[in-house]
């Protein structure tokens, strides 16, 4: 289990030829700690720590975990345990959309997880997800690789995961996962899904409760649904009288009457505790950063090459980070060159991680 990241000793001095690898390893370690906190808040057993303050996105969390949890076999199997008990909370449609549209997560690992859940739960929705993930991963035959890189395998190879070219030992779940506690602010989406179903309505209401008002296109980008879907939901919500539509020029905005939704606030706090973050956007940025840092020859690459790759990363994700609310903390700009670009980007990643870890 991850021990957390000591920022007092962490320093992205990338020009020391071993530092990029060290940076990547520390980043993975701290992301494991972040994911443990989120999974634990949702009901996974075996990890203590402060509860996250931001609303958890279970689909984005699962997809990002197909990458990061491979570095912690215990987390991976506790995640499987939670899905085995609580998989009905997961929106397969939204998961498939994020996988296809955002490229978030590892489709091969997701297909293996879905196959396992389909076998254990005899649920058609997991079979559907396995097919979607296999399509997203492509039809090429894959060489067998360890599911948990760098972690020795113990016992016989699991045949189901091997079918997906992933080698791991037998799965022995502890059965200790709990259902998400809907009295926690971080689990607001689960409460709304229990009320309104596993549809866009839950995410739209959660976004409005934490942001007050917004434009359909903005809400669609941050919730992972198509704009037309969000527009229909907002129009229907406006008919209830609990959501107002506001015409500003040619644009229509929607605002929620927060006091009228206070029945949802059984954690006895104010609405400022509801903190939304566009997790698919943030996780995809971190996934892309890790892909750069995980290149086998990263330590031999020139300063110019690294600056180009980090500029590409910034240009691809800056708009999304701004939409997610993290834009103001990003200091890098496309005009930066050489070591200045690399150092600034590494510092920005660190700042984003610090921000995600805030509990107040």
Protein backbone atom coordinates (compact mmCIF):
# COMPACT_ATOMS: atom_id res chain seq x y z
CA UNK A 1 0.00 0.00 0.00
CA UNK A 2 1.28 3.44 -0.84
CA UNK A 3 2.78 5.37 2.03
CA UNK A 4 2.11 8.85 0.68
CA UNK A 5 4.33 11.43 -0.92
CA UNK A 6 6.75 13.52 1.11
CA UNK A 7 6.66 16.84 -0.69
CA UNK A 8 9.36 18.24 1.58
CA UNK A 9 11.90 16.03 -0.17
CA UNK A 10 10.29 15.82 -3.60
CA UNK A 11 11.97 18.01 -6.20
CA UNK A 12 11.59 17.62 -9.97
CA UNK A 13 15.25 18.23 -10.79
CA UNK A 14 14.91 16.45 -14.09
CA UNK A 15 18.40 17.35 -15.39
CA UNK A 16 19.92 14.76 -13.04
CA UNK A 17 19.78 11.77 -15.33
CA UNK A 18 18.03 9.49 -12.86
CA UNK A 19 15.50 12.03 -11.66
CA UNK A 20 12.78 11.52 -14.28
CA UNK A 21 12.49 7.86 -13.31
CA UNK A 22 12.43 8.81 -9.63
CA UNK A 23 9.85 11.48 -10.35
CA UNK A 24 7.64 8.96 -12.18
CA UNK A 25 7.92 6.43 -9.34
CA UNK A 26 7.02 9.02 -6.72
CA UNK A 27 4.13 10.22 -8.87
CA UNK A 28 2.76 6.67 -9.13
CA UNK A 29 3.17 6.17 -5.39
CA UNK A 30 1.23 9.28 -4.59
CA UNK A 31 -1.48 8.53 -7.15
CA UNK A 32 -1.91 5.15 -5.45
CA UNK A 33 -2.45 6.98 -2.18
CA UNK A 34 -5.02 9.26 -3.86
CA UNK A 35 -6.86 6.29 -5.38
CA UNK A 36 -6.84 4.38 -2.08
CA UNK A 37 -8.58 7.35 -0.46
CA UNK A 38 -11.26 7.44 -3.12
CA UNK A 39 -11.90 3.69 -3.20
CA UNK A 40 -11.97 3.61 0.61
CA UNK A 41 -14.53 6.42 0.70
CA UNK A 42 -16.65 4.28 -1.64
CA UNK A 43 -16.47 1.25 0.65
CA UNK A 44 -13.21 -0.60 -0.11
CA UNK A 45 -11.73 -2.18 3.02
CA UNK A 46 -8.20 -2.03 4.32
CA UNK A 47 -7.02 1.56 4.05
CA UNK A 48 -7.22 4.43 6.48
CA UNK A 49 -6.82 8.13 5.81
CA UNK A 50 -8.74 11.34 5.44
CA UNK A 51 -11.81 11.24 3.22
CA UNK A 52 -11.55 13.10 -0.10
CA UNK A 53 -13.36 16.43 -0.25
CA UNK A 54 -14.28 16.34 -3.93
CA UNK A 55 -17.17 14.43 -5.44
CA UNK A 56 -15.90 11.03 -6.62
CA UNK A 57 -16.49 9.96 -10.22
CA UNK A 58 -16.67 6.14 -10.01
CA UNK A 59 -16.34 5.50 -13.76
CA UNK A 60 -13.29 7.75 -14.16
CA UNK A 61 -11.80 6.23 -11.00
CA UNK A 62 -12.23 2.69 -12.32
CA UNK A 63 -10.68 3.52 -15.69
CA UNK A 64 -7.67 5.31 -14.16
CA UNK A 65 -7.26 2.42 -11.72
CA UNK A 66 -6.83 -0.02 -14.63
CA UNK A 67 -3.48 1.74 -15.06
CA UNK A 68 -2.41 2.81 -11.58
CA UNK A 69 -3.71 -0.10 -9.48
CA UNK A 70 -1.46 -2.46 -11.45
CA UNK A 71 1.36 -1.10 -9.27
CA UNK A 72 -0.41 -2.33 -6.10
CA UNK A 73 -1.81 -5.87 -6.32
CA UNK A 74 -3.69 -5.41 -3.06
CA UNK A 75 -5.49 -2.33 -4.32
CA UNK A 76 -6.36 -4.08 -7.57
CA UNK A 77 -8.00 -7.03 -5.83
CA UNK A 78 -9.80 -4.83 -3.28
CA UNK A 79 -11.16 -2.89 -6.26
CA UNK A 80 -12.32 -6.19 -7.78
CA UNK A 81 -13.94 -7.07 -4.46
CA UNK A 82 -15.84 -3.77 -4.38
CA UNK A 83 -17.00 -4.19 -7.98
CA UNK A 84 -18.09 -7.75 -7.24
CA UNK A 85 -20.35 -6.45 -4.45
CA UNK A 86 -21.29 -3.00 -5.73
CA UNK A 87 -20.95 -3.16 -9.51
CA UNK A 88 -24.60 -2.21 -9.95
CA UNK A 89 -23.63 1.38 -9.07
CA UNK A 90 -21.43 1.63 -12.17
CA UNK A 91 -22.82 3.12 -15.38
CA UNK A 92 -21.60 0.87 -18.19
CA UNK A 93 -22.76 3.35 -20.83
CA UNK A 94 -20.76 6.19 -19.28
CA UNK A 95 -17.76 3.92 -18.75
CA UNK A 96 -17.79 2.90 -22.39
CA UNK A 97 -18.10 6.51 -23.55
CA UNK A 98 -15.10 7.61 -21.46
CA UNK A 99 -13.08 4.69 -22.75
CA UNK A 100 -13.90 5.46 -26.38
CA UNK A 101 -14.07 9.27 -26.40
CA UNK A 102 -11.41 10.15 -23.80
CA UNK A 103 -9.03 7.22 -24.19
CA UNK A 104 -8.88 6.94 -20.42
CA UNK A 105 -7.54 3.75 -18.88
CA UNK A 106 -6.24 0.44 -20.22
CA UNK A 107 -8.91 -1.32 -22.35
CA UNK A 108 -7.20 -4.72 -22.06
CA UNK A 109 -7.22 -4.62 -18.26
CA UNK A 110 -10.79 -3.33 -18.26
CA UNK A 111 -11.90 -6.18 -20.54
CA UNK A 112 -10.33 -8.71 -18.16
CA UNK A 113 -12.06 -7.10 -15.16
CA UNK A 114 -15.39 -7.06 -17.00
CA UNK A 115 -14.95 -10.72 -17.98
CA UNK A 116 -14.28 -11.66 -14.37
CA UNK A 117 -17.35 -9.77 -13.13
CA UNK A 118 -19.53 -11.24 -15.87
CA UNK A 119 -18.48 -14.73 -14.82
CA UNK A 120 -19.01 -14.09 -11.10
CA UNK A 121 -22.20 -12.05 -11.33
CA UNK A 122 -23.80 -13.54 -14.44
CA UNK A 123 -24.67 -9.99 -15.46
CA UNK A 124 -25.03 -9.12 -19.13
CA UNK A 125 -23.88 -5.56 -18.61
CA UNK A 126 -20.34 -6.73 -17.81
CA UNK A 127 -20.31 -8.90 -20.91
CA UNK A 128 -21.28 -5.81 -22.92
CA UNK A 129 -18.48 -3.81 -21.32
CA UNK A 130 -15.95 -6.58 -22.03
CA UNK A 131 -16.88 -6.44 -25.73
CA UNK A 132 -16.63 -2.63 -25.79
CA UNK A 133 -13.24 -2.75 -24.09
CA UNK A 134 -11.96 -5.42 -26.49
CA UNK A 135 -13.02 -3.26 -29.44
CA UNK A 136 -11.31 -0.21 -27.91
CA UNK A 137 -8.16 -2.25 -27.39
CA UNK A 138 -8.01 -3.44 -31.00
CA UNK A 139 -8.00 -6.89 -32.51
CA UNK A 140 -4.26 -7.47 -32.57
CA UNK A 141 -2.92 -10.43 -30.65
CA UNK A 142 -1.02 -9.29 -27.58
CA UNK A 143 2.09 -10.76 -26.06
CA UNK A 144 1.50 -12.02 -22.53
CA UNK A 145 2.68 -9.53 -19.91
CA UNK A 146 2.43 -9.42 -16.12
CA UNK A 147 -0.64 -7.66 -14.77
CA UNK A 148 1.43 -6.37 -11.86
CA UNK A 149 4.81 -5.23 -13.28
CA UNK A 150 7.69 -5.71 -10.88
CA UNK A 151 5.61 -7.78 -8.44
CA UNK A 152 6.47 -11.52 -8.36
CA UNK A 153 3.57 -13.81 -9.23
CA UNK A 154 2.59 -16.40 -6.62
CA UNK A 155 0.54 -19.50 -7.42
CA UNK A 156 -1.08 -20.75 -10.59
CA UNK A 157 -1.83 -18.37 -13.46
CA UNK A 158 -5.43 -17.15 -13.59
CA UNK A 159 -6.83 -18.45 -16.87
CA UNK A 160 -9.41 -15.70 -17.35
CA UNK A 161 -6.86 -12.89 -17.18
CA UNK A 162 -4.47 -14.96 -19.29
CA UNK A 163 -7.13 -14.98 -22.01
CA UNK A 164 -6.50 -11.22 -22.19
CA UNK A 165 -2.70 -11.72 -22.31
CA UNK A 166 -2.35 -10.68 -18.66
CA UNK A 167 -0.47 -12.93 -16.26
CA UNK A 168 -1.45 -12.94 -12.60
CA UNK A 169 -1.93 -15.38 -9.73
CA UNK A 170 -5.24 -16.77 -8.50
CA UNK A 171 -7.90 -14.29 -7.38
CA UNK A 172 -8.95 -14.67 -3.76
CA UNK A 173 -11.29 -11.88 -2.75
CA UNK A 174 -11.81 -11.11 0.94
CA UNK A 175 -15.47 -10.11 0.60
CA UNK A 176 -15.06 -7.17 2.99
CA UNK A 177 -16.19 -4.31 0.75
CA UNK A 178 -19.13 -2.20 1.89
CA UNK A 179 -21.72 -0.25 -0.05
CA UNK A 180 -20.94 3.46 -0.56
CA UNK A 181 -22.03 5.61 2.38
CA UNK A 182 -24.34 8.21 0.90
CA UNK A 183 -23.93 10.48 3.95
CA UNK A 184 -20.43 11.42 2.74
CA UNK A 185 -20.14 14.48 0.46
CA UNK A 186 -17.63 12.63 -1.75
CA UNK A 187 -20.31 10.01 -2.49
CA UNK A 188 -22.99 12.44 -3.63
CA UNK A 189 -23.21 10.77 -7.06
CA UNK A 190 -24.21 7.49 -5.44
CA UNK A 191 -27.02 9.19 -3.54
CA UNK A 192 -28.26 10.90 -6.70
CA UNK A 193 -28.03 7.65 -8.69
CA UNK A 194 -30.10 5.91 -6.03
CA UNK A 195 -32.72 8.63 -6.49
CA UNK A 196 -32.59 9.22 -10.25
CA UNK A 197 -30.88 6.17 -11.76
CA UNK A 198 -27.52 5.62 -13.46
CA UNK A 199 -28.15 8.34 -16.02
CA UNK A 200 -26.92 11.83 -16.88
CA UNK A 201 -29.43 13.42 -14.49
CA UNK A 202 -27.38 12.45 -11.44
CA UNK A 203 -24.14 14.01 -12.76
CA UNK A 204 -25.92 17.15 -13.97
CA UNK A 205 -27.56 17.74 -10.59
CA UNK A 206 -24.28 17.08 -8.75
CA UNK A 207 -22.48 19.55 -11.01
CA UNK A 208 -25.14 22.24 -10.46
CA UNK A 209 -25.17 21.71 -6.69
CA UNK A 210 -21.42 22.28 -6.52
CA UNK A 211 -21.17 25.06 -9.11
CA UNK A 212 -24.46 26.91 -8.84
CA UNK A 213 -25.04 27.60 -12.52
CA UNK A 214 -23.58 26.79 -15.89
CA UNK A 215 -23.98 26.45 -19.65
CA UNK A 216 -25.01 23.06 -21.13
CA UNK A 217 -21.80 22.76 -23.16
CA UNK A 218 -19.66 23.39 -20.08
CA UNK A 219 -21.63 20.90 -17.99
CA UNK A 220 -21.41 18.29 -20.78
CA UNK A 221 -17.61 18.64 -20.99
CA UNK A 222 -17.19 18.21 -17.25
CA UNK A 223 -19.64 15.36 -16.72
CA UNK A 224 -18.65 13.14 -19.64
CA UNK A 225 -21.98 13.23 -21.48
CA UNK A 226 -22.94 14.53 -24.90
CA UNK A 227 -24.21 18.11 -25.01
CA UNK A 228 -27.61 17.15 -26.42
CA UNK A 229 -28.11 14.65 -23.58
CA UNK A 230 -27.28 17.31 -20.99
CA UNK A 231 -29.49 19.88 -22.72
CA UNK A 232 -32.49 17.54 -22.57
CA UNK A 233 -31.88 16.82 -18.87
CA UNK A 234 -31.56 20.53 -18.05
CA UNK A 235 -34.77 21.40 -19.90
CA UNK A 236 -36.64 18.69 -18.00
CA UNK A 237 -35.16 19.81 -14.66
CA UNK A 238 -36.21 23.40 -15.41
CA UNK A 239 -39.81 22.23 -15.71
CA UNK A 240 -39.67 21.12 -12.06
CA UNK A 241 -39.12 24.67 -10.84
CA UNK A 242 -36.07 23.55 -8.83
CA UNK A 243 -33.72 24.55 -11.64
CA UNK A 244 -33.96 27.95 -13.37
CA UNK A 245 -33.09 28.73 -16.96
CA UNK A 246 -31.44 32.11 -17.52
CA UNK A 247 -31.24 33.68 -20.97
CA UNK A 248 -28.11 35.77 -21.49
CA UNK A 249 -28.04 37.12 -25.02
CA UNK A 250 -28.18 34.11 -27.30
CA UNK A 251 -26.99 31.73 -24.60
CA UNK A 252 -29.08 29.90 -22.02
CA UNK A 253 -27.66 29.11 -18.61
CA UNK A 254 -29.16 26.95 -15.89
CA UNK A 255 -29.00 27.58 -12.15
CA UNK A 256 -30.10 25.39 -9.26
CA UNK A 257 -32.04 26.56 -6.22
CA UNK A 258 -29.65 25.06 -3.69
CA UNK A 259 -31.77 25.65 -0.58
CA UNK A 260 -34.57 23.63 -2.13
CA UNK A 261 -32.23 20.63 -2.37
CA UNK A 262 -31.15 20.72 1.27
CA UNK A 263 -32.77 17.33 1.93
CA UNK A 264 -29.67 15.88 0.24
CA UNK A 265 -27.39 17.51 2.79
CA UNK A 266 -27.56 14.94 5.58
CA UNK A 267 -23.89 15.51 6.41
CA UNK A 268 -24.97 18.77 8.08
CA UNK A 269 -22.70 21.06 6.13
CA UNK A 270 -22.93 23.93 3.71
CA UNK A 271 -22.92 23.63 -0.05
CA UNK A 272 -19.34 24.91 -0.24
CA UNK A 273 -18.26 21.39 0.77
CA UNK A 274 -19.59 20.05 -2.52
CA UNK A 275 -16.48 20.32 -4.68
CA UNK A 276 -16.75 19.14 -8.25
CA UNK A 277 -13.75 18.28 -10.36
CA UNK A 278 -13.76 16.94 -13.91
CA UNK A 279 -11.94 13.72 -13.00
CA UNK A 280 -11.86 12.27 -16.55
CA UNK A 281 -9.97 15.36 -17.74
CA UNK A 282 -7.52 15.38 -14.83
CA UNK A 283 -6.91 11.62 -14.93
CA UNK A 284 -6.33 11.73 -18.69
CA UNK A 285 -3.76 14.51 -18.26
CA UNK A 286 -1.93 12.51 -15.58
CA UNK A 287 -2.15 9.36 -17.72
CA UNK A 288 -0.56 11.21 -20.65
CA UNK A 289 2.17 12.61 -18.41
CA UNK A 290 2.96 9.12 -17.14
CA UNK A 291 3.17 7.82 -20.70
CA UNK A 292 5.93 10.36 -21.39
CA UNK A 293 7.77 9.58 -18.16
CA UNK A 294 7.47 5.81 -18.69
CA UNK A 295 9.28 5.68 -22.01
CA UNK A 296 12.05 3.04 -21.72
CA UNK A 297 14.72 5.47 -22.92
CA UNK A 298 13.47 8.54 -21.09
CA UNK A 299 16.79 9.13 -19.29
CA UNK A 300 18.71 9.23 -22.59
CA UNK A 301 16.39 11.66 -24.32
CA UNK A 302 17.60 15.16 -25.12
CA UNK A 303 16.36 18.31 -23.46
CA UNK A 304 14.82 19.39 -26.76
CA UNK A 305 12.89 16.11 -27.15
CA UNK A 306 11.50 16.33 -23.61
CA UNK A 307 10.44 19.94 -24.11
CA UNK A 308 8.61 19.02 -27.32
CA UNK A 309 6.76 16.14 -25.64
CA UNK A 310 5.74 18.27 -22.68
CA UNK A 311 4.61 21.08 -25.00
CA UNK A 312 2.43 18.57 -26.85
CA UNK A 313 1.04 17.42 -23.50
CA UNK A 314 0.25 20.98 -22.47
CA UNK A 315 -1.37 21.94 -25.77
CA UNK A 316 -3.52 18.79 -25.75
CA UNK A 317 -4.82 19.25 -22.23
CA UNK A 318 -4.69 22.94 -21.30
CA UNK A 319 -8.27 23.67 -22.39
CA UNK A 320 -9.54 20.65 -20.49
CA UNK A 321 -7.61 21.62 -17.35
CA UNK A 322 -9.05 25.11 -17.54
CA UNK A 323 -12.54 23.69 -17.88
CA UNK A 324 -11.90 21.40 -14.90
CA UNK A 325 -11.12 24.37 -12.68
CA UNK A 326 -7.39 23.60 -12.45
CA UNK A 327 -6.35 25.99 -15.21
CA UNK A 328 -5.28 28.86 -12.91
CA UNK A 329 -2.65 26.70 -11.18
CA UNK A 330 -0.99 25.68 -14.47
CA UNK A 331 2.04 27.93 -14.99
CA UNK A 332 3.46 26.35 -18.15
CA UNK A 333 2.79 28.02 -21.51
CA UNK A 334 3.48 26.74 -25.04
CA UNK A 335 6.09 29.45 -25.53
CA UNK A 336 8.46 27.95 -22.93
CA UNK A 337 11.59 26.25 -24.27
CA UNK A 338 14.01 23.54 -23.18
CA UNK A 339 14.59 22.91 -19.50
CA UNK A 340 12.25 25.74 -18.54
CA UNK A 341 9.34 23.94 -20.22
CA UNK A 342 10.18 20.59 -18.59
CA UNK A 343 10.78 22.04 -15.11
CA UNK A 344 7.60 24.10 -15.22
CA UNK A 345 5.49 21.17 -16.40
CA UNK A 346 6.87 18.90 -13.67
CA UNK A 347 6.12 21.58 -11.10
CA UNK A 348 2.60 21.96 -12.50
CA UNK A 349 2.00 18.22 -12.13
CA UNK A 350 3.17 18.44 -8.53
CA UNK A 351 0.86 21.42 -7.91
CA UNK A 352 -2.11 19.56 -9.40
CA UNK A 353 -1.39 16.58 -7.13
CA UNK A 354 -1.20 18.89 -4.11
CA UNK A 355 -4.53 20.46 -5.07
CA UNK A 356 -6.23 17.08 -5.51
CA UNK A 357 -5.00 16.07 -2.05
CA UNK A 358 -6.55 19.04 -0.28
CA UNK A 359 -9.28 18.04 2.15
CA UNK A 360 -10.52 21.48 3.12
